[in-house]
Amino acid sequence: QVYRFVTQLANGRSGDYEGIVPEDGNFQWTIPGFPMGTMKYTVKIRDGKYFETGEIVSDSGDSKQFFEMTLEKSSD
């Protein structure tokens, strides 16, 4: 099953990317075509928190994390 993930930045740039839900149940979306490889983001939603990491995956399969974000809904 394939999903779409749409991004929108404050500067007006946007993108429409393919997403999947692998067996671990987390959502993954990728941005291909960078000179250093593919950007892969993984989203986990647990206990009311949204946790996302981003990594660069090279053509040889090596990866390096460059991004991490945790969001929690406020009751305010």
C-alpha atoms as a PDB file:
ATOM      1  CA  GLN A   1       0.000   0.000   0.000  1.00  0.00           C
ATOM      2  CA  VAL A   2       1.323   3.435  -0.934  1.00  0.00           C
ATOM      3  CA  TYR A   3       0.579   6.742   0.775  1.00  0.00           C
ATOM      4  CA  ARG A   4       1.284  10.358  -0.192  1.00  0.00           C
ATOM      5  CA  PHE A   5       3.011  12.824   2.154  1.00  0.00           C
ATOM      6  CA  VAL A   6       2.634  16.495   1.244  1.00  0.00           C
ATOM      7  CA  THR A   7       5.045  19.067   2.673  1.00  0.00           C
ATOM      8  CA  GLN A   8       4.559  22.834   2.841  1.00  0.00           C
ATOM      9  CA  LEU A   9       7.251  25.280   3.978  1.00  0.00           C
ATOM     10  CA  ALA A  10       6.758  28.862   5.181  1.00  0.00           C
ATOM     11  CA  ASN A  11       8.712  30.135   2.156  1.00  0.00           C
ATOM     12  CA  GLY A  12       6.101  28.660  -0.208  1.00  0.00           C
ATOM     13  CA  ARG A  13       8.053  25.585  -1.288  1.00  0.00           C
ATOM     14  CA  SER A  14       6.137  22.335  -1.232  1.00  0.00           C
ATOM     15  CA  GLY A  15       6.501  18.713  -2.207  1.00  0.00           C
ATOM     16  CA  ASP A  16       4.458  15.563  -2.733  1.00  0.00           C
ATOM     17  CA  TYR A  17       6.266  12.356  -1.751  1.00  0.00           C
ATOM     18  CA  GLU A  18       5.591   8.640  -1.547  1.00  0.00           C
ATOM     19  CA  GLY A  19       5.147   7.081   1.882  1.00  0.00           C
ATOM     20  CA  ILE A  20       4.881   3.532   3.184  1.00  0.00           C
ATOM     21  CA  VAL A  21       4.010   1.789   6.447  1.00  0.00           C
ATOM     22  CA  PRO A  22       6.458  -1.112   6.858  1.00  0.00           C
ATOM     23  CA  GLU A  23       5.867  -4.058   9.172  1.00  0.00           C
ATOM     24  CA  ASP A  24       7.080  -2.113  12.242  1.00  0.00           C
ATOM     25  CA  GLY A  25       3.989   0.137  11.893  1.00  0.00           C
ATOM     26  CA  ASN A  26       5.899   3.421  11.606  1.00  0.00           C
ATOM     27  CA  PHE A  27       5.330   5.754   8.650  1.00  0.00           C
ATOM     28  CA  GLN A  28       8.261   6.384   6.281  1.00  0.00           C
ATOM     29  CA  TRP A  29       8.538   8.909   3.468  1.00  0.00           C
ATOM     30  CA  THR A  30      11.469   9.644   1.198  1.00  0.00           C
ATOM     31  CA  ILE A  31      12.884  12.396  -0.995  1.00  0.00           C
ATOM     32  CA  PRO A  32      15.046  10.832  -3.722  1.00  0.00           C
ATOM     33  CA  GLY A  33      17.537  12.477  -6.021  1.00  0.00           C
ATOM     34  CA  PHE A  34      20.040  14.230  -3.761  1.00  0.00           C
ATOM     35  CA  PRO A  35      23.706  14.019  -4.809  1.00  0.00           C
ATOM     36  CA  MET A  36      24.568  12.358  -1.478  1.00  0.00           C
ATOM     37  CA  GLY A  37      21.642   9.889  -1.594  1.00  0.00           C
ATOM     38  CA  THR A  38      17.999   9.680  -0.546  1.00  0.00           C
ATOM     39  CA  MET A  39      16.518  11.561   2.400  1.00  0.00           C
ATOM     40  CA  LYS A  40      14.416   9.138   4.478  1.00  0.00           C
ATOM     41  CA  TYR A  41      12.089  10.289   7.252  1.00  0.00           C
ATOM     42  CA  THR A  42      10.495   7.972   9.821  1.00  0.00           C
ATOM     43  CA  VAL A  43       7.449   9.010  11.869  1.00  0.00           C
ATOM     44  CA  LYS A  44       6.427   7.285  15.103  1.00  0.00           C
ATOM     45  CA  ILE A  45       3.327   8.250  17.073  1.00  0.00           C
ATOM     46  CA  ARG A  46       3.359   6.884  20.618  1.00  0.00           C
ATOM     47  CA  ASP A  47       1.652   7.940  23.839  1.00  0.00           C
ATOM     48  CA  GLY A  48       0.324  11.158  22.288  1.00  0.00           C
ATOM     49  CA  LYS A  49       3.742  12.221  20.959  1.00  0.00           C
ATOM     50  CA  TYR A  50       4.826  12.665  17.342  1.00  0.00           C
ATOM     51  CA  PHE A  51       8.459  11.644  16.877  1.00  0.00           C
ATOM     52  CA  GLU A  52      10.227  12.056  13.521  1.00  0.00           C
ATOM     53  CA  THR A  53      13.797  11.387  12.424  1.00  0.00           C
ATOM     54  CA  GLY A  54      15.504  12.148   9.130  1.00  0.00           C
ATOM     55  CA  GLU A  55      18.516  10.457   7.647  1.00  0.00           C
ATOM     56  CA  ILE A  56      20.524  10.504   4.430  1.00  0.00           C
ATOM     57  CA  VAL A  57      20.868   7.049   2.879  1.00  0.00           C
ATOM     58  CA  SER A  58      23.675   6.725   0.321  1.00  0.00           C
ATOM     59  CA  ASP A  59      23.495   4.532  -2.759  1.00  0.00           C
ATOM     60  CA  SER A  60      25.741   2.037  -0.946  1.00  0.00           C
ATOM     61  CA  GLY A  61      23.204   1.809   1.930  1.00  0.00           C
ATOM     62  CA  ASP A  62      25.144   3.803   4.544  1.00  0.00           C
ATOM     63  CA  SER A  63      22.961   6.196   6.545  1.00  0.00           C
ATOM     64  CA  LYS A  64      23.507   9.221   8.753  1.00  0.00           C
ATOM     65  CA  GLN A  65      20.827  10.862  10.884  1.00  0.00           C
ATOM     66  CA  PHE A  66      20.593  14.654  10.484  1.00  0.00           C
ATOM     67  CA  PHE A  67      17.197  15.497  11.974  1.00  0.00           C
ATOM     68  CA  GLU A  68      15.121  14.653  15.049  1.00  0.00           C
ATOM     69  CA  MET A  69      11.868  16.200  16.252  1.00  0.00           C
ATOM     70  CA  THR A  70       9.435  15.365  19.054  1.00  0.00           C
ATOM     71  CA  LEU A  71       6.064  17.114  19.278  1.00  0.00           C
ATOM     72  CA  GLU A  72       3.503  16.814  22.039  1.00  0.00           C
ATOM     73  CA  LYS A  73       0.007  18.243  21.872  1.00  0.00           C
ATOM     74  CA  SER A  74      -0.549  20.918  24.478  1.00  0.00           C
ATOM     75  CA  SER A  75      -3.810  21.128  26.417  1.00  0.00           C
ATOM     76  CA  ASP A  76      -3.609  24.960  26.384  1.00  0.00           C
END
